Amino acid sequence: MQSYKTQGVCSRVINFDIEDGIIKSVEFVGGCAGNTKGISKLVEGMKVEDVIKRLEGVQCRGNTSCPDQLAKALKQYLNK
């Protein structure tokens, strides 16, 4: 399980698990529960690179967003 401390959004942390380049689970701690649970369900089973392409740059109130923060977390994971 990986953890990423978010910045600039309501959620505080994103926990995620990746196996063979596929997202197995995502959990946002804090934030808008319905939206973050929805994001989690949508990305589970997807390739990490595909999720980054789809979610990177999504804004909320003119700034970053929970989906964008997930993309940042995944990019950081890939760069390790």
PDB file of N, CA and C in Angstrom:
ATOM      1  N   MET A   1       0.849  -1.183   0.000  1.00  0.00           N
ATOM      2  CA  MET A   1       0.000   0.000   0.000  1.00  0.00           C
ATOM      3  C   MET A   1       0.888   1.238   0.000  1.00  0.00           C
ATOM      4  N   GLN A   2       0.572   2.177  -0.866  1.00  0.00           N
ATOM      5  CA  GLN A   2       1.277   3.453  -0.976  1.00  0.00           C
ATOM      6  C   GLN A   2       0.402   4.549  -0.382  1.00  0.00           C
ATOM      7  N   SER A   3       1.023   5.599   0.132  1.00  0.00           N
ATOM      8  CA  SER A   3       0.294   6.752   0.644  1.00  0.00           C
ATOM      9  C   SER A   3       0.873   8.021   0.047  1.00  0.00           C
ATOM     10  N   TYR A   4      -0.008   8.973  -0.247  1.00  0.00           N
ATOM     11  CA  TYR A   4       0.397  10.258  -0.812  1.00  0.00           C
ATOM     12  C   TYR A   4      -0.325  11.355  -0.046  1.00  0.00           C
ATOM     13  N   LYS A   5       0.438  12.296   0.512  1.00  0.00           N
ATOM     14  CA  LYS A   5      -0.140  13.436   1.223  1.00  0.00           C
ATOM     15  C   LYS A   5      -0.536  14.488   0.194  1.00  0.00           C
ATOM     16  N   THR A   6      -1.813  14.800   0.138  1.00  0.00           N
ATOM     17  CA  THR A   6      -2.326  15.735  -0.857  1.00  0.00           C
ATOM     18  C   THR A   6      -2.026  17.180  -0.487  1.00  0.00           C
ATOM     19  N   GLN A   7      -2.148  18.059  -1.475  1.00  0.00           N
ATOM     20  CA  GLN A   7      -1.955  19.489  -1.273  1.00  0.00           C
ATOM     21  C   GLN A   7      -3.049  20.248  -2.018  1.00  0.00           C
ATOM     22  N   GLY A   8      -3.662  21.223  -1.350  1.00  0.00           N
ATOM     23  CA  GLY A   8      -4.613  22.110  -1.999  1.00  0.00           C
ATOM     24  C   GLY A   8      -5.998  21.559  -2.223  1.00  0.00           C
ATOM     25  N   VAL A   9      -6.334  20.447  -1.577  1.00  0.00           N
ATOM     26  CA  VAL A   9      -7.669  19.854  -1.718  1.00  0.00           C
ATOM     27  C   VAL A   9      -8.217  19.465  -0.345  1.00  0.00           C
ATOM     28  N   CYS A  10      -9.486  19.113  -0.311  1.00  0.00           N
ATOM     29  CA  CYS A  10     -10.133  18.741   0.952  1.00  0.00           C
ATOM     30  C   CYS A  10      -9.626  17.406   1.506  1.00  0.00           C
ATOM     31  N   SER A  11      -9.342  16.463   0.615  1.00  0.00           N
ATOM     32  CA  SER A  11      -8.809  15.189   1.107  1.00  0.00           C
ATOM     33  C   SER A  11      -7.389  15.408   1.615  1.00  0.00           C
ATOM     34  N   ARG A  12      -6.995  14.621   2.594  1.00  0.00           N
ATOM     35  CA  ARG A  12      -5.693  14.799   3.233  1.00  0.00           C
ATOM     36  C   ARG A  12      -4.640  13.809   2.728  1.00  0.00           C
ATOM     37  N   VAL A  13      -5.090  12.605   2.429  1.00  0.00           N
ATOM     38  CA  VAL A  13      -4.178  11.532   2.033  1.00  0.00           C
ATOM     39  C   VAL A  13      -4.888  10.651   1.006  1.00  0.00           C
ATOM     40  N   ILE A  14      -4.097  10.106   0.078  1.00  0.00           N
ATOM     41  CA  ILE A  14      -4.614   9.096  -0.844  1.00  0.00           C
ATOM     42  C   ILE A  14      -3.798   7.826  -0.619  1.00  0.00           C
ATOM     43  N   ASN A  15      -4.480   6.746  -0.286  1.00  0.00           N
ATOM     44  CA  ASN A  15      -3.843   5.431  -0.150  1.00  0.00           C
ATOM     45  C   ASN A  15      -4.194   4.625  -1.390  1.00  0.00           C
ATOM     46  N   PHE A  16      -3.204   3.957  -1.965  1.00  0.00           N
ATOM     47  CA  PHE A  16      -3.488   3.182  -3.166  1.00  0.00           C
ATOM     48  C   PHE A  16      -2.575   1.970  -3.241  1.00  0.00           C
ATOM     49  N   ASP A  17      -3.045   0.963  -3.972  1.00  0.00           N
ATOM     50  CA  ASP A  17      -2.306  -0.274  -4.154  1.00  0.00           C
ATOM     51  C   ASP A  17      -2.241  -0.571  -5.646  1.00  0.00           C
ATOM     52  N   ILE A  18      -1.038  -0.873  -6.114  1.00  0.00           N
ATOM     53  CA  ILE A  18      -0.814  -1.160  -7.529  1.00  0.00           C
ATOM     54  C   ILE A  18      -0.130  -2.514  -7.645  1.00  0.00           C
ATOM     55  N   GLU A  19      -0.587  -3.308  -8.611  1.00  0.00           N
ATOM     56  CA  GLU A  19       0.013  -4.615  -8.862  1.00  0.00           C
ATOM     57  C   GLU A  19       0.198  -4.781 -10.365  1.00  0.00           C
ATOM     58  N   ASP A  20       1.426  -5.002 -10.787  1.00  0.00           N
ATOM     59  CA  ASP A  20       1.748  -5.189 -12.202  1.00  0.00           C
ATOM     60  C   ASP A  20       1.241  -4.043 -13.078  1.00  0.00           C
ATOM     61  N   GLY A  21       1.363  -2.811 -12.575  1.00  0.00           N
ATOM     62  CA  GLY A  21       0.970  -1.640 -13.349  1.00  0.00           C
ATOM     63  C   GLY A  21      -0.520  -1.353 -13.378  1.00  0.00           C
ATOM     64  N   ILE A  22      -1.293  -2.128 -12.626  1.00  0.00           N
ATOM     65  CA  ILE A  22      -2.753  -1.973 -12.570  1.00  0.00           C
ATOM     66  C   ILE A  22      -3.155  -1.499 -11.173  1.00  0.00           C
ATOM     67  N   ILE A  23      -4.051  -0.518 -11.124  1.00  0.00           N
ATOM     68  CA  ILE A  23      -4.532  -0.019  -9.830  1.00  0.00           C
ATOM     69  C   ILE A  23      -5.504  -1.022  -9.240  1.00  0.00           C
ATOM     70  N   LYS A  24      -5.179  -1.510  -8.052  1.00  0.00           N
ATOM     71  CA  LYS A  24      -6.024  -2.496  -7.377  1.00  0.00           C
ATOM     72  C   LYS A  24      -7.011  -1.835  -6.419  1.00  0.00           C
ATOM     73  N   SER A  25      -6.577  -0.746  -5.756  1.00  0.00           N
ATOM     74  CA  SER A  25      -7.480  -0.050  -4.836  1.00  0.00           C
ATOM     75  C   SER A  25      -6.999   1.382  -4.646  1.00  0.00           C
ATOM     76  N   VAL A  26      -7.957   2.268  -4.364  1.00  0.00           N
ATOM     77  CA  VAL A  26      -7.678   3.671  -4.057  1.00  0.00           C
ATOM     78  C   VAL A  26      -8.607   4.087  -2.932  1.00  0.00           C
ATOM     79  N   GLU A  27      -8.053   4.774  -1.937  1.00  0.00           N
ATOM     80  CA  GLU A  27      -8.855   5.296  -0.830  1.00  0.00           C
ATOM     81  C   GLU A  27      -8.411   6.732  -0.547  1.00  0.00           C
ATOM     82  N   PHE A  28      -9.351   7.656  -0.622  1.00  0.00           N
ATOM     83  CA  PHE A  28      -9.103   9.043  -0.245  1.00  0.00           C
ATOM     84  C   PHE A  28      -9.501   9.207   1.215  1.00  0.00           C
ATOM     85  N   VAL A  29      -8.655   9.852   2.005  1.00  0.00           N
ATOM     86  CA  VAL A  29      -8.966  10.148   3.407  1.00  0.00           C
ATOM     87  C   VAL A  29      -9.404  11.600   3.450  1.00  0.00           C
ATOM     88  N   GLY A  30     -10.660  11.826   3.788  1.00  0.00           N
ATOM     89  CA  GLY A  30     -11.233  13.164   3.766  1.00  0.00           C
ATOM     90  C   GLY A  30     -11.770  13.475   2.380  1.00  0.00           C
ATOM     91  N   GLY A  31     -12.232  14.695   2.214  1.00  0.00           N
ATOM     92  CA  GLY A  31     -12.785  15.106   0.927  1.00  0.00           C
ATOM     93  C   GLY A  31     -14.262  14.782   0.817  1.00  0.00           C
ATOM     94  N   CYS A  32     -14.806  14.992  -0.362  1.00  0.00           N
ATOM     95  CA  CYS A  32     -16.221  14.735  -0.630  1.00  0.00           C
ATOM     96  C   CYS A  32     -16.405  13.232  -0.842  1.00  0.00           C
ATOM     97  N   ALA A  33     -16.984  12.577   0.129  1.00  0.00           N
ATOM     98  CA  ALA A  33     -17.028  11.106   0.164  1.00  0.00           C
ATOM     99  C   ALA A  33     -17.593  10.495  -1.109  1.00  0.00           C
ATOM    100  N   GLY A  34     -18.689  10.988  -1.602  1.00  0.00           N
ATOM    101  CA  GLY A  34     -19.302  10.397  -2.793  1.00  0.00           C
ATOM    102  C   GLY A  34     -18.410  10.524  -4.012  1.00  0.00           C
ATOM    103  N   ASN A  35     -17.835  11.699  -4.187  1.00  0.00           N
ATOM    104  CA  ASN A  35     -16.967  11.920  -5.352  1.00  0.00           C
ATOM    105  C   ASN A  35     -15.698  11.085  -5.267  1.00  0.00           C
ATOM    106  N   THR A  36     -15.067  11.067  -4.115  1.00  0.00           N
ATOM    107  CA  THR A  36     -13.801  10.330  -4.007  1.00  0.00           C
ATOM    108  C   THR A  36     -14.026   8.817  -4.095  1.00  0.00           C
ATOM    109  N   LYS A  37     -15.144   8.334  -3.557  1.00  0.00           N
ATOM    110  CA  LYS A  37     -15.462   6.907  -3.711  1.00  0.00           C
ATOM    111  C   LYS A  37     -15.740   6.583  -5.171  1.00  0.00           C
ATOM    112  N   GLY A  38     -16.402   7.497  -5.871  1.00  0.00           N
ATOM    113  CA  GLY A  38     -16.681   7.301  -7.290  1.00  0.00           C
ATOM    114  C   GLY A  38     -15.403   7.241  -8.114  1.00  0.00           C
ATOM    115  N   ILE A  39     -14.480   8.171  -7.847  1.00  0.00           N
ATOM    116  CA  ILE A  39     -13.192   8.165  -8.541  1.00  0.00           C
ATOM    117  C   ILE A  39     -12.490   6.837  -8.300  1.00  0.00           C
ATOM    118  N   SER A  40     -12.479   6.410  -7.050  1.00  0.00           N
ATOM    119  CA  SER A  40     -11.807   5.155  -6.690  1.00  0.00           C
ATOM    120  C   SER A  40     -12.370   3.983  -7.479  1.00  0.00           C
ATOM    121  N   LYS A  41     -13.682   3.875  -7.529  1.00  0.00           N
ATOM    122  CA  LYS A  41     -14.325   2.761  -8.243  1.00  0.00           C
ATOM    123  C   LYS A  41     -14.032   2.814  -9.739  1.00  0.00           C
ATOM    124  N   LEU A  42     -13.991   4.021 -10.303  1.00  0.00           N
ATOM    125  CA  LEU A  42     -13.755   4.155 -11.734  1.00  0.00           C
ATOM    126  C   LEU A  42     -12.344   3.762 -12.143  1.00  0.00           C
ATOM    127  N   VAL A  43     -11.353   4.055 -11.308  1.00  0.00           N
ATOM    128  CA  VAL A  43      -9.964   3.801 -11.706  1.00  0.00           C
ATOM    129  C   VAL A  43      -9.458   2.407 -11.339  1.00  0.00           C
ATOM    130  N   GLU A  44     -10.129   1.727 -10.430  1.00  0.00           N
ATOM    131  CA  GLU A  44      -9.692   0.377 -10.063  1.00  0.00           C
ATOM    132  C   GLU A  44      -9.748  -0.526 -11.290  1.00  0.00           C
ATOM    133  N   GLY A  45      -8.658  -1.246 -11.530  1.00  0.00           N
ATOM    134  CA  GLY A  45      -8.560  -2.128 -12.684  1.00  0.00           C
ATOM    135  C   GLY A  45      -7.933  -1.469 -13.901  1.00  0.00           C
ATOM    136  N   MET A  46      -7.670  -0.166 -13.824  1.00  0.00           N
ATOM    137  CA  MET A  46      -7.060   0.548 -14.944  1.00  0.00           C
ATOM    138  C   MET A  46      -5.540   0.569 -14.838  1.00  0.00           C
ATOM    139  N   LYS A  47      -4.878   0.766 -15.969  1.00  0.00           N
ATOM    140  CA  LYS A  47      -3.436   0.943 -15.985  1.00  0.00           C
ATOM    141  C   LYS A  47      -3.089   2.309 -15.384  1.00  0.00           C
ATOM    142  N   VAL A  48      -2.005   2.344 -14.629  1.00  0.00           N
ATOM    143  CA  VAL A  48      -1.566   3.575 -13.982  1.00  0.00           C
ATOM    144  C   VAL A  48      -1.424   4.701 -15.007  1.00  0.00           C
ATOM    145  N   GLU A  49      -0.775   4.442 -16.125  1.00  0.00           N
ATOM    146  CA  GLU A  49      -0.531   5.469 -17.142  1.00  0.00           C
ATOM    147  C   GLU A  49      -1.832   6.028 -17.708  1.00  0.00           C
ATOM    148  N   ASP A  50      -2.835   5.174 -17.888  1.00  0.00           N
ATOM    149  CA  ASP A  50      -4.122   5.621 -18.423  1.00  0.00           C
ATOM    150  C   ASP A  50      -4.833   6.554 -17.444  1.00  0.00           C
ATOM    151  N   VAL A  51      -4.753   6.243 -16.165  1.00  0.00           N
ATOM    152  CA  VAL A  51      -5.386   7.095 -15.148  1.00  0.00           C
ATOM    153  C   VAL A  51      -4.705   8.456 -15.122  1.00  0.00           C
ATOM    154  N   ILE A  52      -3.386   8.475 -15.179  1.00  0.00           N
ATOM    155  CA  ILE A  52      -2.661   9.746 -15.188  1.00  0.00           C
ATOM    156  C   ILE A  52      -3.103  10.588 -16.379  1.00  0.00           C
ATOM    157  N   LYS A  53      -3.169   9.992 -17.573  1.00  0.00           N
ATOM    158  CA  LYS A  53      -3.573  10.724 -18.780  1.00  0.00           C
ATOM    159  C   LYS A  53      -4.969  11.320 -18.640  1.00  0.00           C
ATOM    160  N   ARG A  54      -5.870  10.579 -18.019  1.00  0.00           N
ATOM    161  CA  ARG A  54      -7.258  11.049 -17.904  1.00  0.00           C
ATOM    162  C   ARG A  54      -7.458  12.094 -16.815  1.00  0.00           C
ATOM    163  N   LEU A  55      -6.735  11.972 -15.712  1.00  0.00           N
ATOM    164  CA  LEU A  55      -7.028  12.819 -14.549  1.00  0.00           C
ATOM    165  C   LEU A  55      -6.087  14.000 -14.350  1.00  0.00           C
ATOM    166  N   GLU A  56      -4.908  13.943 -14.926  1.00  0.00           N
ATOM    167  CA  GLU A  56      -3.939  15.014 -14.730  1.00  0.00           C
ATOM    168  C   GLU A  56      -4.497  16.336 -15.266  1.00  0.00           C
ATOM    169  N   GLY A  57      -4.423  17.367 -14.431  1.00  0.00           N
ATOM    170  CA  GLY A  57      -4.859  18.701 -14.837  1.00  0.00           C
ATOM    171  C   GLY A  57      -6.313  19.017 -14.562  1.00  0.00           C
ATOM    172  N   VAL A  58      -7.096  18.054 -14.064  1.00  0.00           N
ATOM    173  CA  VAL A  58      -8.489  18.337 -13.708  1.00  0.00           C
ATOM    174  C   VAL A  58      -8.473  19.339 -12.560  1.00  0.00           C
ATOM    175  N   GLN A  59      -9.250  20.418 -12.708  1.00  0.00           N
ATOM    176  CA  GLN A  59      -9.247  21.471 -11.694  1.00  0.00           C
ATOM    177  C   GLN A  59     -10.544  21.518 -10.914  1.00  0.00           C
ATOM    178  N   CYS A  60     -10.438  22.028  -9.697  1.00  0.00           N
ATOM    179  CA  CYS A  60     -11.588  22.271  -8.827  1.00  0.00           C
ATOM    180  C   CYS A  60     -11.425  23.688  -8.281  1.00  0.00           C
ATOM    181  N   ARG A  61     -12.376  24.523  -8.551  1.00  0.00           N
ATOM    182  CA  ARG A  61     -12.313  25.919  -8.089  1.00  0.00           C
ATOM    183  C   ARG A  61     -11.051  26.625  -8.595  1.00  0.00           C
ATOM    184  N   GLY A  62     -10.658  26.320  -9.822  1.00  0.00           N
ATOM    185  CA  GLY A  62      -9.528  26.982 -10.442  1.00  0.00           C
ATOM    186  C   GLY A  62      -8.164  26.520  -9.975  1.00  0.00           C
ATOM    187  N   ASN A  63      -8.120  25.417  -9.259  1.00  0.00           N
ATOM    188  CA  ASN A  63      -6.855  24.918  -8.722  1.00  0.00           C
ATOM    189  C   ASN A  63      -6.790  23.410  -8.956  1.00  0.00           C
ATOM    190  N   THR A  64      -5.924  22.736  -8.250  1.00  0.00           N
ATOM    191  CA  THR A  64      -5.836  21.284  -8.326  1.00  0.00           C
ATOM    192  C   THR A  64      -7.141  20.664  -7.831  1.00  0.00           C
ATOM    193  N   SER A  65      -7.257  19.363  -7.946  1.00  0.00           N
ATOM    194  CA  SER A  65      -8.461  18.643  -7.515  1.00  0.00           C
ATOM    195  C   SER A  65      -8.052  17.284  -6.978  1.00  0.00           C
ATOM    196  N   CYS A  66      -8.991  16.576  -6.403  1.00  0.00           N
ATOM    197  CA  CYS A  66      -8.690  15.214  -5.935  1.00  0.00           C
ATOM    198  C   CYS A  66      -8.258  14.310  -7.097  1.00  0.00           C
ATOM    199  N   PRO A  67      -8.930  14.357  -8.270  1.00  0.00           N
ATOM    200  CA  PRO A  67      -8.447  13.547  -9.380  1.00  0.00           C
ATOM    201  C   PRO A  67      -7.022  13.945  -9.806  1.00  0.00           C
ATOM    202  N   ASP A  68      -6.741  15.238  -9.857  1.00  0.00           N
ATOM    203  CA  ASP A  68      -5.401  15.707 -10.214  1.00  0.00           C
ATOM    204  C   ASP A  68      -4.379  15.250  -9.184  1.00  0.00           C
ATOM    205  N   GLN A  69      -4.745  15.288  -7.914  1.00  0.00           N
ATOM    206  CA  GLN A  69      -3.834  14.834  -6.864  1.00  0.00           C
ATOM    207  C   GLN A  69      -3.563  13.336  -6.993  1.00  0.00           C
ATOM    208  N   LEU A  70      -4.559  12.557  -7.403  1.00  0.00           N
ATOM    209  CA  LEU A  70      -4.336  11.127  -7.635  1.00  0.00           C
ATOM    210  C   LEU A  70      -3.338  10.947  -8.780  1.00  0.00           C
ATOM    211  N   ALA A  71      -3.487  11.727  -9.846  1.00  0.00           N
ATOM    212  CA  ALA A  71      -2.533  11.656 -10.954  1.00  0.00           C
ATOM    213  C   ALA A  71      -1.128  11.991 -10.467  1.00  0.00           C
ATOM    214  N   LYS A  72      -0.992  12.997  -9.622  1.00  0.00           N
ATOM    215  CA  LYS A  72       0.318  13.364  -9.070  1.00  0.00           C
ATOM    216  C   LYS A  72       0.886  12.230  -8.216  1.00  0.00           C
ATOM    217  N   ALA A  73       0.032  11.609  -7.427  1.00  0.00           N
ATOM    218  CA  ALA A  73       0.469  10.490  -6.587  1.00  0.00           C
ATOM    219  C   ALA A  73       0.977   9.337  -7.455  1.00  0.00           C
ATOM    220  N   LEU A  74       0.262   9.046  -8.527  1.00  0.00           N
ATOM    221  CA  LEU A  74       0.652   7.946  -9.410  1.00  0.00           C
ATOM    222  C   LEU A  74       1.947   8.270 -10.155  1.00  0.00           C
ATOM    223  N   LYS A  75       2.109   9.512 -10.574  1.00  0.00           N
ATOM    224  CA  LYS A  75       3.353   9.916 -11.239  1.00  0.00           C
ATOM    225  C   LYS A  75       4.537   9.768 -10.289  1.00  0.00           C
ATOM    226  N   GLN A  76       4.323  10.180  -9.035  1.00  0.00           N
ATOM    227  CA  GLN A  76       5.384  10.042  -8.040  1.00  0.00           C
ATOM    228  C   GLN A  76       5.732   8.573  -7.849  1.00  0.00           C
ATOM    229  N   TYR A  77       4.733   7.719  -7.805  1.00  0.00           N
ATOM    230  CA  TYR A  77       4.944   6.270  -7.668  1.00  0.00           C
ATOM    231  C   TYR A  77       5.790   5.744  -8.836  1.00  0.00           C
ATOM    232  N   LEU A  78       5.462   6.158 -10.054  1.00  0.00           N
ATOM    233  CA  LEU A  78       6.190   5.679 -11.231  1.00  0.00           C
ATOM    234  C   LEU A  78       7.630   6.168 -11.240  1.00  0.00           C
ATOM    235  N   ASN A  79       7.875   7.336 -10.683  1.00  0.00           N
ATOM    236  CA  ASN A  79       9.220   7.913 -10.691  1.00  0.00           C
ATOM    237  C   ASN A  79      10.123   7.365  -9.601  1.00  0.00           C
ATOM    238  N   LYS A  80       9.611   6.499  -8.744  1.00  0.00           N
ATOM    239  CA  LYS A  80      10.428   5.904  -7.676  1.00  0.00           C
ATOM    240  C   LYS A  80      11.265   4.781  -8.218  1.00  0.00           C
TER     241      LYS A  80
END
